[in-house]
C-alpha cells in the first residue's frame, strides 16, 4: 500500500502541471487576454488610456513573452525551489522581487545611435542603511523609491502608447498590411524597415517628437531602477526561505497578487475558504445523517409506504431549483412583513455582532444571541438550500446499492445459517454497499473548496464561490490559477483517499 500511495503522489505532479497549463493557456489565449474584464468595464475610457492600462498589465505579468514562457515563469514562482536572487517578504506577506529590467523603447534606432545607460550617483549605487534605521524606516525608503520607479515606468508606458497611436495613423494613411497583430497592436518589426515611407507622411514630426520623449523616459526609468536595485540589494525586508547555494534557495510558494483586488492571493483565499468550509461542514453531516439511514430503511422496506413516500419527497426536493428556493426564502422567510420572516437575508453576522459575547448571555435584563448563535442563525437559510437537494441522490444510491447486495448469494447463505437480520443488514449488506457511497463522499472535498456559487451570491456570503466567479469574470490570472491548482490538488488527493477507503471497506481490494 505504501508504494502504491507514493506512486500516486508522484503521478499527481504531471497531472497538476497538465491541468494548470491548460487553464493558463485558456486565459492567455482568450479574447482580450488578462484584465479584459477590467479594461472593458469603463466604456468612457479613451483609446490612449486603454492602451496604457493594457501595457501596464503586460508589463506587470510579462505578457510580452509567449504563453509557454509565461507559464514557466509562473511555475518558477509557485515552486518551493527558487533560482536566482532571493525574493524578500514585506510585513503584509507580499513577495518583493528584484525590479524588472526596463525594455528598450521601440524603434529607438530612428532617434539615437545607441541606447543610453543608467546614470546614477555612485553614492546611490553603493546604498547603505543608516545606523539608526529600523524596519519601518527601511520599508518607507524602499516604498518611496519603488513609487518613483513606478512613476517612471508609467511615463515610459504612456509614451509608448502615444507613439503607437501616431504610428497607427501613419500606417493607416500608407495602408501598410500586416502591421498590426491580432490584438490591434503595432508590430514594430514590420514597420522598422519602412522609415522612409513613414517620413513622407504628415505625422512624422509628431512621431519624432514622441520618439525623442520616449528615449528620455527610458533614460529616467533606467536611473530610477538602478536606485531601486541598490536599495533592494541592501535588503529592506527579510529574505524569503533559506539559501542552499548561491543562486539556489527554498521558500514557500508565491501565489502572486490579485490585480483586481491589489492583495496577495493567499490572503484572499485564507479569508474565503473558512466560510465555505463552515457552510459545508454544517450541511454535509445533515445530508448524510438523513439520506443514508432513510436509504437503508427504504431498501429494507422496499416497496413499502416509507420507501414510496421518502422517494417521492426527495425527488420532489431534488427537482426544485436551488436559485428559486433561495430567492423565495429571502422574499418570505427574511421579510419581516410576514410572521415567519425572522431570518436574516444576507451575510454571516449581524452588524452589531462585534460587540456580542461569544455565547448567549443576559445583559441589562435582556438576552443577547451571542456571536456563535448569531452566526448559526444567519446560516440557516444557506444551509437549507445546500442540503435539501442532496437527499435524493445519496438516499437513492444507498437504496440501490443495498438492494443489489440483498440479492447476492452470501445474503441467502447468512439467512440460511440463521444470522440475525440486523447483522445481515449492517455487517454484510451495508458494508458491501459502501463502495459507491465512498466515491460520492470523496467528491465532497473539492466541492467544499469550489463553494456553492449560487447560494453565496443569493445570500451575499464572501466564500470561495464568489471568489472563483470574480476571478473568472475579471480574468484575474493569479487568483484563478491558485484556485484551480488548489481544487485540482484536492481532487487528486480525494481520489487517493477513495482508493484507501475501498481497501478498508472491501478486503478483496488490494494494491500490492
Protein backbone atom coordinates (compact mmCIF):
# COMPACT_ATOMS: atom_id res chain seq x y z
CA UNK A 1 0.00 0.00 0.00
CA UNK A 2 2.82 2.41 0.86
CA UNK A 3 4.49 2.03 -2.55
CA UNK A 4 1.13 2.48 -4.27
CA UNK A 5 0.44 5.72 -2.34
CA UNK A 6 3.92 7.05 -3.15
CA UNK A 7 3.47 6.25 -6.83
CA UNK A 8 0.10 8.00 -6.88
CA UNK A 9 1.57 11.08 -5.16
CA UNK A 10 4.35 11.27 -7.75
CA UNK A 11 1.85 10.92 -10.60
CA UNK A 12 -0.07 13.90 -9.21
CA UNK A 13 2.77 16.24 -10.20
CA UNK A 14 2.45 15.84 -14.01
CA UNK A 15 -1.34 15.78 -13.66
CA UNK A 16 -1.33 19.12 -11.84
CA UNK A 17 1.06 20.54 -14.42
CA UNK A 18 -1.26 19.48 -17.22
CA UNK A 19 -4.36 20.96 -15.56
CA UNK A 20 -2.74 24.29 -14.70
CA UNK A 21 -1.12 24.54 -18.14
CA UNK A 22 -4.48 24.03 -19.84
CA UNK A 23 -6.16 26.70 -17.68
CA UNK A 24 -3.20 29.04 -18.15
CA UNK A 25 -3.37 28.76 -21.93
CA UNK A 26 -7.14 29.26 -21.95
CA UNK A 27 -6.68 32.52 -20.03
CA UNK A 28 -3.72 33.70 -22.11
CA UNK A 29 -5.35 32.93 -25.47
CA UNK A 30 -8.87 34.08 -24.63
CA UNK A 31 -10.19 37.26 -26.34
CA UNK A 32 -8.89 40.36 -24.60
CA UNK A 33 -6.39 38.42 -22.51
CA UNK A 34 -5.72 39.11 -18.86
CA UNK A 35 -7.63 42.04 -17.43
CA UNK A 36 -10.10 42.23 -20.30
CA UNK A 37 -12.95 42.48 -17.82
CA UNK A 38 -11.35 45.49 -16.14
CA UNK A 39 -10.46 47.24 -19.37
CA UNK A 40 -13.93 46.79 -20.80
CA UNK A 41 -15.61 47.81 -17.58
CA UNK A 42 -15.25 51.54 -18.26
CA UNK A 43 -16.97 52.38 -21.51
CA UNK A 44 -15.80 56.00 -21.42
CA UNK A 45 -12.13 55.07 -21.31
CA UNK A 46 -10.47 56.56 -24.41
CA UNK A 47 -8.17 54.60 -26.66
CA UNK A 48 -4.96 56.00 -25.18
CA UNK A 49 -5.91 55.23 -21.58
CA UNK A 50 -7.00 51.74 -22.57
CA UNK A 51 -3.65 51.20 -24.28
CA UNK A 52 -1.82 52.44 -21.18
CA UNK A 53 -3.76 50.07 -18.95
CA UNK A 54 -3.18 47.15 -21.28
CA UNK A 55 0.52 47.98 -21.46
CA UNK A 56 0.63 48.12 -17.67
CA UNK A 57 -0.87 44.64 -17.40
CA UNK A 58 1.59 43.32 -19.95
CA UNK A 59 4.47 44.89 -18.10
CA UNK A 60 3.32 43.54 -14.74
CA UNK A 61 2.64 39.96 -15.88
CA UNK A 62 5.28 39.65 -18.58
CA UNK A 63 2.70 39.27 -21.32
CA UNK A 64 5.19 40.38 -23.95
CA UNK A 65 6.61 36.83 -23.85
CA UNK A 66 4.88 33.81 -25.40
CA UNK A 67 2.28 31.99 -23.24
CA UNK A 68 4.52 28.93 -22.65
CA UNK A 69 7.29 31.21 -21.37
CA UNK A 70 4.79 32.98 -19.12
CA UNK A 71 3.71 29.60 -17.75
CA UNK A 72 7.30 28.58 -16.97
CA UNK A 73 7.79 31.88 -15.12
CA UNK A 74 4.62 31.24 -13.12
CA UNK A 75 5.84 27.75 -12.24
CA UNK A 76 9.11 29.28 -11.05
CA UNK A 77 7.18 31.50 -8.64
CA UNK A 78 4.99 28.78 -7.15
CA UNK A 79 7.80 26.25 -6.94
CA UNK A 80 9.40 25.89 -3.49
CA UNK A 81 12.81 25.67 -5.20
CA UNK A 82 13.95 29.12 -6.34
CA UNK A 83 16.75 30.10 -8.68
CA UNK A 84 18.48 33.47 -8.88
CA UNK A 85 18.32 36.34 -6.42
CA UNK A 86 16.15 35.58 -3.41
CA UNK A 87 12.82 37.36 -3.00
CA UNK A 88 12.04 39.38 0.09
CA UNK A 89 8.81 39.38 2.11
CA UNK A 90 7.21 42.60 3.36
CA UNK A 91 5.11 42.78 6.55
CA UNK A 92 1.89 42.08 4.60
CA UNK A 93 3.29 38.76 3.32
CA UNK A 94 3.76 40.03 -0.25
CA UNK A 95 6.81 38.69 -2.05
CA UNK A 96 9.07 41.53 -3.22
CA UNK A 97 11.05 40.58 -6.30
CA UNK A 98 14.05 42.38 -7.80
CA UNK A 99 12.88 45.21 -10.07
CA UNK A 100 12.36 44.06 -13.62
CA UNK A 101 14.63 45.25 -16.39
CA UNK A 102 13.40 48.15 -18.48
CA UNK A 103 12.53 47.21 -22.05
CA UNK A 104 14.16 49.29 -24.74
CA UNK A 105 11.79 51.74 -26.46
CA UNK A 106 10.52 50.62 -29.87
CA UNK A 107 12.26 51.99 -32.99
CA UNK A 108 14.94 53.68 -30.88
CA UNK A 109 17.38 53.45 -33.80
CA UNK A 110 15.31 56.14 -35.54
CA UNK A 111 16.26 58.73 -32.92
CA UNK A 112 19.64 57.80 -31.36
CA UNK A 113 22.75 55.86 -32.35
CA UNK A 114 22.96 53.73 -29.22
CA UNK A 115 20.79 53.07 -26.20
CA UNK A 116 21.53 55.16 -23.09
CA UNK A 117 22.70 53.52 -19.88
CA UNK A 118 21.82 54.29 -16.31
CA UNK A 119 23.44 57.41 -14.92
CA UNK A 120 23.27 57.35 -11.14
CA UNK A 121 25.29 58.99 -8.42
CA UNK A 122 27.91 56.46 -7.14
CA UNK A 123 26.64 57.07 -3.60
CA UNK A 124 23.19 55.88 -4.66
CA UNK A 125 24.66 52.74 -6.26
CA UNK A 126 26.52 51.90 -3.03
CA UNK A 127 23.43 52.33 -0.89
CA UNK A 128 23.74 51.54 2.82
CA UNK A 129 21.33 51.89 5.72
CA UNK A 130 21.87 54.44 8.45
CA UNK A 131 22.90 53.07 11.83
CA UNK A 132 19.54 54.00 13.37
CA UNK A 133 17.43 52.57 10.51
CA UNK A 134 14.62 50.29 11.71
CA UNK A 135 12.23 48.07 9.76
CA UNK A 136 9.69 50.84 9.32
CA UNK A 137 12.19 53.36 8.01
CA UNK A 138 13.71 50.78 5.66
CA UNK A 139 10.26 49.96 4.32
CA UNK A 140 9.47 53.65 3.80
CA UNK A 141 12.71 54.20 1.88
CA UNK A 142 12.06 51.19 -0.35
CA UNK A 143 8.41 52.10 -0.94
CA UNK A 144 9.31 55.70 -1.77
CA UNK A 145 11.85 54.64 -4.39
CA UNK A 146 9.53 51.90 -5.70
CA UNK A 147 6.89 54.59 -6.20
CA UNK A 148 9.40 56.75 -8.09
CA UNK A 149 10.31 53.81 -10.30
CA UNK A 150 6.64 53.05 -10.87
CA UNK A 151 6.01 56.63 -12.00
CA UNK A 152 9.00 56.48 -14.34
CA UNK A 153 7.73 53.24 -15.90
CA UNK A 154 4.23 54.72 -16.17
CA UNK A 155 5.71 57.61 -18.14
CA UNK A 156 7.53 55.16 -20.39
CA UNK A 157 4.40 53.05 -20.94
CA UNK A 158 2.32 56.16 -21.63
CA UNK A 159 4.89 57.47 -24.10
CA UNK A 160 4.97 54.12 -25.88
CA UNK A 161 1.18 54.10 -26.18
CA UNK A 162 1.14 57.66 -27.59
CA UNK A 163 3.86 56.78 -30.10
CA UNK A 164 1.95 53.69 -31.22
CA UNK A 165 -1.16 55.83 -31.69
CA UNK A 166 0.70 58.17 -34.08
CA UNK A 167 2.36 55.26 -35.85
CA UNK A 168 -1.09 53.73 -36.30
CA UNK A 169 -2.23 56.91 -38.08
CA UNK A 170 0.75 56.76 -40.45
CA UNK A 171 0.15 53.05 -41.08
CA UNK A 172 -3.48 53.78 -41.91
CA UNK A 173 -2.53 56.53 -44.37
CA UNK A 174 0.08 54.33 -46.08
CA UNK A 175 -2.21 51.27 -45.93
CA UNK A 176 0.60 49.03 -44.76
CA UNK A 177 -0.63 45.45 -44.49
CA UNK A 178 0.02 43.12 -41.56
CA UNK A 179 1.34 46.00 -39.44
CA UNK A 180 -0.98 45.11 -36.53
CA UNK A 181 -1.22 41.91 -34.53
CA UNK A 182 -4.45 40.14 -33.57
CA UNK A 183 -4.92 42.48 -30.62
CA UNK A 184 -4.56 45.58 -32.78
CA UNK A 185 -1.07 46.49 -31.56
CA UNK A 186 1.53 47.94 -33.88
CA UNK A 187 4.13 45.39 -34.99
CA UNK A 188 7.32 47.44 -34.77
CA UNK A 189 9.45 44.83 -36.55
CA UNK A 190 7.19 45.15 -39.62
CA UNK A 191 7.35 48.94 -39.88
CA UNK A 192 11.01 49.32 -38.85
CA UNK A 193 12.35 49.00 -42.44
CA UNK A 194 9.65 51.42 -43.69
CA UNK A 195 11.10 54.51 -42.09
CA UNK A 196 11.39 56.36 -45.41
CA UNK A 197 7.73 55.81 -46.22
CA UNK A 198 6.60 56.95 -42.78
CA UNK A 199 8.77 60.08 -43.02
CA UNK A 200 6.73 61.08 -46.07
CA UNK A 201 3.53 61.31 -44.02
CA UNK A 202 2.25 64.39 -42.21
CA UNK A 203 2.62 62.58 -38.87
CA UNK A 204 6.42 62.32 -38.91
CA UNK A 205 7.04 65.46 -36.84
CA UNK A 206 4.81 64.22 -34.05
CA UNK A 207 6.31 60.74 -34.32
CA UNK A 208 9.84 62.14 -33.99
CA UNK A 209 8.84 64.30 -31.01
CA UNK A 210 7.19 61.38 -29.23
CA UNK A 211 10.12 59.10 -30.05
CA UNK A 212 12.66 61.51 -28.56
CA UNK A 213 10.47 61.95 -25.48
CA UNK A 214 10.28 58.17 -25.18
CA UNK A 215 14.09 57.89 -25.15
CA UNK A 216 14.15 60.44 -22.31
CA UNK A 217 11.54 58.45 -20.38
CA UNK A 218 13.64 55.34 -20.93
CA UNK A 219 16.73 57.04 -19.52
CA UNK A 220 14.80 58.20 -16.45
CA UNK A 221 13.34 54.71 -15.89
CA UNK A 222 16.86 53.21 -16.07
CA UNK A 223 18.11 55.66 -13.45
CA UNK A 224 15.21 55.01 -11.07
CA UNK A 225 15.59 51.24 -11.48
CA UNK A 226 19.28 51.44 -10.64
CA UNK A 227 18.46 53.31 -7.41
CA UNK A 228 15.73 50.80 -6.52
CA UNK A 229 18.04 47.86 -7.24
CA UNK A 230 20.63 49.30 -4.86
CA UNK A 231 18.05 49.60 -2.09
CA UNK A 232 16.78 46.08 -2.81
CA UNK A 233 20.31 44.70 -2.55
CA UNK A 234 20.56 46.38 0.88
CA UNK A 235 17.67 44.07 1.96
CA UNK A 236 14.94 46.33 3.35
CA UNK A 237 12.86 43.21 4.15
CA UNK A 238 13.71 39.71 5.37
CA UNK A 239 14.63 37.29 2.59
CA UNK A 240 12.17 34.53 1.75
CA UNK A 241 13.02 30.99 2.75
CA UNK A 242 16.63 29.96 3.18
CA UNK A 243 19.56 29.69 0.83
CA UNK A 244 21.18 26.39 -0.13
CA UNK A 245 23.77 27.51 -2.66
CA UNK A 246 24.47 30.86 -4.31
CA UNK A 247 21.54 31.41 -6.67
CA UNK A 248 19.57 28.48 -5.20
CA UNK A 249 17.10 28.71 -2.31
CA UNK A 250 13.95 27.12 -0.89
CA UNK A 251 10.92 29.13 0.20
CA UNK A 252 7.16 28.81 0.35
CA UNK A 253 5.30 29.14 -2.98
CA UNK A 254 4.48 32.64 -4.15
CA UNK A 255 0.91 32.61 -5.48
CA UNK A 256 1.22 36.22 -6.60
CA UNK A 257 -1.00 39.21 -6.10
CA UNK A 258 -4.53 39.66 -7.38
CA UNK A 259 -4.55 42.67 -9.73
CA UNK A 260 -8.33 43.05 -9.40
CA UNK A 261 -8.13 43.40 -5.61
CA UNK A 262 -4.49 44.51 -5.15
CA UNK A 263 -3.98 41.95 -2.38
CA UNK A 264 -1.95 38.74 -2.05
CA UNK A 265 -3.82 35.77 -3.47
CA UNK A 266 -3.24 33.55 -0.44
CA UNK A 267 -4.64 36.26 1.82
CA UNK A 268 -7.87 36.34 -0.20
CA UNK A 269 -8.16 32.56 -0.22
CA UNK A 270 -7.43 32.29 3.51
CA UNK A 271 -10.33 34.68 4.17
CA UNK A 272 -12.83 32.98 1.85
CA UNK A 273 -12.12 29.30 2.38
CA UNK A 274 -13.06 29.06 6.10
CA UNK A 275 -16.52 30.47 5.27
CA UNK A 276 -17.19 27.92 2.55
CA UNK A 277 -15.82 25.06 4.67
CA UNK A 278 -18.01 26.18 7.58
CA UNK A 279 -21.16 26.01 5.44
CA UNK A 280 -20.23 22.58 4.10
CA UNK A 281 -19.23 21.19 7.49
CA UNK A 282 -22.72 22.04 8.69
CA UNK A 283 -24.53 20.88 5.55
CA UNK A 284 -22.72 17.60 4.79
CA UNK A 285 -23.40 15.81 8.12
CA UNK A 286 -27.06 16.81 7.84
CA UNK A 287 -27.27 15.28 4.36
CA UNK A 288 -25.53 12.04 5.41
CA UNK A 289 -27.34 11.61 8.72
CA UNK A 290 -30.70 11.88 6.96
CA UNK A 291 -30.08 10.39 3.50
CA UNK A 292 -28.14 7.23 4.41
CA UNK A 293 -30.42 5.97 7.20
CA UNK A 294 -33.50 6.72 5.12
CA UNK A 295 -31.92 4.96 2.13
CA UNK A 296 -31.16 1.92 4.29
CA UNK A 297 -34.70 1.87 5.66
CA UNK A 298 -36.13 2.23 2.15
CA UNK A 299 -34.04 -0.75 1.00
CA UNK A 300 -35.07 -2.90 3.96
CA UNK A 301 -38.74 -1.99 3.39
CA UNK A 302 -38.57 -1.90 -0.37
CA UNK A 303 -41.96 -1.23 -1.94
CA UNK A 304 -43.47 -0.16 1.35
CA UNK A 305 -45.06 3.10 2.38
CA UNK A 306 -41.82 4.64 3.68
CA UNK A 307 -39.94 3.68 0.52
CA UNK A 308 -42.51 5.32 -1.73
CA UNK A 309 -43.08 8.38 0.46
CA UNK A 310 -39.38 9.16 1.06
CA UNK A 311 -38.50 8.55 -2.59
CA UNK A 312 -41.27 10.86 -3.80
CA UNK A 313 -40.34 13.57 -1.27
CA UNK A 314 -36.61 13.50 -2.08
CA UNK A 315 -37.21 13.54 -5.84
CA UNK A 316 -39.57 16.49 -5.42
CA UNK A 317 -36.98 18.38 -3.39
CA UNK A 318 -34.22 17.49 -5.86
CA UNK A 319 -36.37 18.80 -8.73
CA UNK A 320 -36.92 22.19 -7.10
CA UNK A 321 -34.32 24.68 -8.40
CA UNK A 322 -31.90 25.95 -5.76
CA UNK A 323 -31.86 29.55 -7.12
CA UNK A 324 -35.66 29.71 -6.90
CA UNK A 325 -35.60 28.26 -3.39
CA UNK A 326 -33.03 30.82 -2.29
CA UNK A 327 -34.96 33.74 -3.76
CA UNK A 328 -38.21 32.55 -2.17
CA UNK A 329 -36.52 32.19 1.20
CA UNK A 330 -35.16 35.73 1.01
CA UNK A 331 -38.55 37.03 -0.13
CA UNK A 332 -40.60 35.32 2.56
CA UNK A 333 -38.51 33.96 5.42
CA UNK A 334 -36.36 37.11 5.60
CA UNK A 335 -39.26 39.50 5.02
CA UNK A 336 -40.32 40.98 8.33
CA UNK A 337 -43.80 41.75 6.96
CA UNK A 338 -44.62 38.07 7.49
CA UNK A 339 -44.85 36.37 10.88
CA UNK A 340 -42.30 33.75 9.80
CA UNK A 341 -39.90 36.32 8.31
CA UNK A 342 -37.44 36.11 11.19
CA UNK A 343 -34.25 35.07 9.39
CA UNK A 344 -31.52 37.49 8.20
CA UNK A 345 -31.36 37.97 4.44
CA UNK A 346 -27.60 38.13 3.90
CA UNK A 347 -24.17 37.84 5.45
CA UNK A 348 -22.88 35.69 8.27
CA UNK A 349 -23.22 38.09 11.19
CA UNK A 350 -25.36 40.96 12.40
CA UNK A 351 -23.98 44.47 12.07
CA UNK A 352 -23.58 44.71 15.86
CA UNK A 353 -22.08 41.24 16.29
CA UNK A 354 -18.60 42.62 17.06
CA UNK A 355 -19.92 43.73 20.44
CA UNK A 356 -21.60 40.39 21.24
CA UNK A 357 -20.31 37.92 23.77
CA UNK A 358 -19.27 34.59 22.24
CA UNK A 359 -22.08 32.58 23.86
CA UNK A 360 -25.67 33.68 24.61
CA UNK A 361 -25.82 35.80 27.75
CA UNK A 362 -28.16 38.06 29.68
CA UNK A 363 -27.12 41.72 29.57
CA UNK A 364 -29.08 44.53 31.27
CA UNK A 365 -32.04 42.23 31.74
CA UNK A 366 -32.17 41.24 28.03
CA UNK A 367 -30.99 38.06 26.37
CA UNK A 368 -28.36 38.51 23.71
CA UNK A 369 -27.84 35.95 20.93
CA UNK A 370 -24.10 35.81 21.27
CA UNK A 371 -21.63 35.70 18.40
CA UNK A 372 -21.83 31.94 17.84
CA UNK A 373 -25.63 31.66 17.89
CA UNK A 374 -25.90 34.77 15.69
CA UNK A 375 -23.70 33.09 13.08
CA UNK A 376 -25.76 29.88 13.13
CA UNK A 377 -28.94 31.94 12.77
CA UNK A 378 -27.51 33.61 9.66
CA UNK A 379 -26.51 30.31 8.02
CA UNK A 380 -29.88 28.60 8.50
CA UNK A 381 -31.24 29.55 5.07
CA UNK A 382 -27.98 28.99 3.10
CA UNK A 383 -27.51 25.58 4.71
CA UNK A 384 -31.13 24.64 3.97
CA UNK A 385 -30.52 25.42 0.30
CA UNK A 386 -27.34 23.35 0.38
CA UNK A 387 -28.87 20.23 1.94
CA UNK A 388 -32.34 19.68 0.52
CA UNK A 389 -31.19 18.78 -2.98
CA UNK A 390 -28.63 16.26 -1.75
CA UNK A 391 -31.04 13.88 -0.04
CA UNK A 392 -32.33 12.29 -3.23
CA UNK A 393 -29.03 11.29 -4.83
CA UNK A 394 -27.42 9.86 -1.71
CA UNK A 395 -30.58 8.14 -0.44
CA UNK A 396 -31.36 6.56 -3.83
CA UNK A 397 -27.71 5.46 -4.22
CA UNK A 398 -27.75 3.82 -0.78
CA UNK A 399 -31.06 2.10 -1.53
CA UNK A 400 -29.95 0.80 -4.94
CA UNK A 401 -26.59 -0.48 -3.67
CA UNK A 402 -28.20 -2.31 -0.76
CA UNK A 403 -30.94 -3.86 -2.91
CA UNK A 404 -28.24 -5.25 -5.23
CA UNK A 405 -26.46 -6.83 -2.29
CA UNK A 406 -29.67 -8.22 -0.80
CA UNK A 407 -29.94 -10.44 -3.89
CA UNK A 408 -26.41 -11.83 -3.52
CA UNK A 409 -25.74 -15.47 -2.64
CA UNK A 410 -23.91 -14.63 0.59
CA UNK A 411 -27.08 -13.00 1.96
CA UNK A 412 -29.14 -16.10 1.28
CA UNK A 413 -26.40 -18.19 2.91
CA UNK A 414 -26.39 -15.96 6.00
CA UNK A 415 -30.16 -16.22 6.27
CA UNK A 416 -29.98 -20.00 5.94
CA UNK A 417 -27.43 -20.14 8.76
CA UNK A 418 -29.79 -18.18 11.00
CA UNK A 419 -27.71 -14.96 11.21
CA UNK A 420 -29.66 -12.16 12.88
CA UNK A 421 -31.36 -9.88 10.35
CA UNK A 422 -29.80 -6.72 11.75
CA UNK A 423 -26.35 -8.31 11.43
CA UNK A 424 -27.08 -9.17 7.82
CA UNK A 425 -28.13 -5.58 7.13
CA UNK A 426 -25.32 -3.76 8.94
CA UNK A 427 -22.36 -6.17 8.87
CA UNK A 428 -22.83 -7.64 5.41
CA UNK A 429 -25.17 -5.74 3.09
CA UNK A 430 -24.39 -2.18 4.20
CA UNK A 431 -20.63 -2.74 4.31
CA UNK A 432 -20.60 -4.18 0.81
CA UNK A 433 -22.68 -1.23 -0.36
CA UNK A 434 -20.12 1.31 0.79
CA UNK A 435 -18.04 1.50 -2.40
CA UNK A 436 -20.38 3.79 -4.38
CA UNK A 437 -21.00 5.83 -1.20
CA UNK A 438 -17.25 6.28 -0.73
CA UNK A 439 -16.96 7.56 -4.30
CA UNK A 440 -19.64 10.14 -3.60
CA UNK A 441 -18.13 11.04 -0.22
CA UNK A 442 -14.67 11.91 -1.54
CA UNK A 443 -16.17 14.12 -4.25
CA UNK A 444 -17.40 16.42 -1.49
CA UNK A 445 -13.98 17.80 -0.60
CA UNK A 446 -13.30 19.56 -3.93
CA UNK A 447 -16.85 20.93 -3.84
CA UNK A 448 -16.11 22.39 -0.42
CA UNK A 449 -13.22 24.40 -1.87
CA UNK A 450 -15.07 25.46 -5.00
CA UNK A 451 -18.01 26.65 -2.92
CA UNK A 452 -21.63 27.00 -3.90
CA UNK A 453 -21.66 29.93 -6.29
CA UNK A 454 -25.43 30.36 -6.50
CA UNK A 455 -26.06 30.20 -2.76
CA UNK A 456 -23.16 32.50 -1.92
CA UNK A 457 -24.42 35.02 -4.47
CA UNK A 458 -28.04 34.94 -3.26
CA UNK A 459 -27.16 35.29 0.41
CA UNK A 460 -24.14 37.60 -0.11
CA UNK A 461 -21.67 35.25 1.50
CA UNK A 462 -17.99 36.06 0.77
CA UNK A 463 -16.88 32.45 0.23
CA UNK A 464 -14.85 30.59 -2.37
CA UNK A 465 -17.70 30.50 -4.87
CA UNK A 466 -17.79 34.29 -5.08
CA UNK A 467 -14.01 34.44 -5.27
CA UNK A 468 -13.77 31.96 -8.15
CA UNK A 469 -16.51 33.67 -10.17
CA UNK A 470 -14.91 37.09 -9.72
CA UNK A 471 -11.53 35.76 -10.81
CA UNK A 472 -13.13 34.27 -13.95
CA UNK A 473 -15.09 37.42 -14.84
CA UNK A 474 -12.05 39.68 -14.42
CA UNK A 475 -9.57 37.16 -15.85
CA UNK A 476 -7.50 37.59 -12.71
CA UNK A 477 -4.81 35.12 -13.67
CA UNK A 478 -3.03 34.76 -10.34
CA UNK A 479 -6.23 34.26 -8.36
CA UNK A 480 -7.79 31.89 -10.88
CA UNK A 481 -4.67 29.75 -11.22
CA UNK A 482 -4.25 29.48 -7.45
CA UNK A 483 -7.86 28.34 -7.08
CA UNK A 484 -7.51 25.91 -9.98
CA UNK A 485 -4.34 24.34 -8.60
CA UNK A 486 -5.76 24.02 -5.10
CA UNK A 487 -9.05 22.46 -6.26
CA UNK A 488 -7.20 20.10 -8.64
CA UNK A 489 -4.82 19.00 -5.88
CA UNK A 490 -7.71 18.30 -3.51
CA UNK A 491 -9.49 16.34 -6.28
CA UNK A 492 -6.44 14.13 -6.77
CA UNK A 493 -5.95 13.62 -3.04
CA UNK A 494 -9.66 12.78 -2.70
CA UNK A 495 -9.32 10.08 -5.37
CA UNK A 496 -6.35 8.65 -3.49
CA UNK A 497 -8.40 8.69 -0.29
CA UNK A 498 -11.16 6.82 -2.11
CA UNK A 499 -8.72 4.06 -3.08
CA UNK A 500 -7.57 3.73 0.52
CA UNK A 501 -11.14 3.60 1.82
CA UNK A 502 -12.03 0.99 -0.83
CA UNK A 503 -9.37 -1.36 0.51
CA UNK A 504 -10.58 -0.77 4.08
CA UNK A 505 -14.23 -1.42 3.18
CA UNK A 506 -13.60 -4.45 0.96
CA UNK A 507 -10.75 -6.84 1.88
CA UNK A 508 -10.82 -8.25 -1.65
CA UNK A 509 -9.35 -4.98 -2.97
CA UNK A 510 -5.57 -4.94 -2.78
CA UNK A 511 -2.96 -2.60 -4.29
CA UNK A 512 0.05 -4.89 -3.89
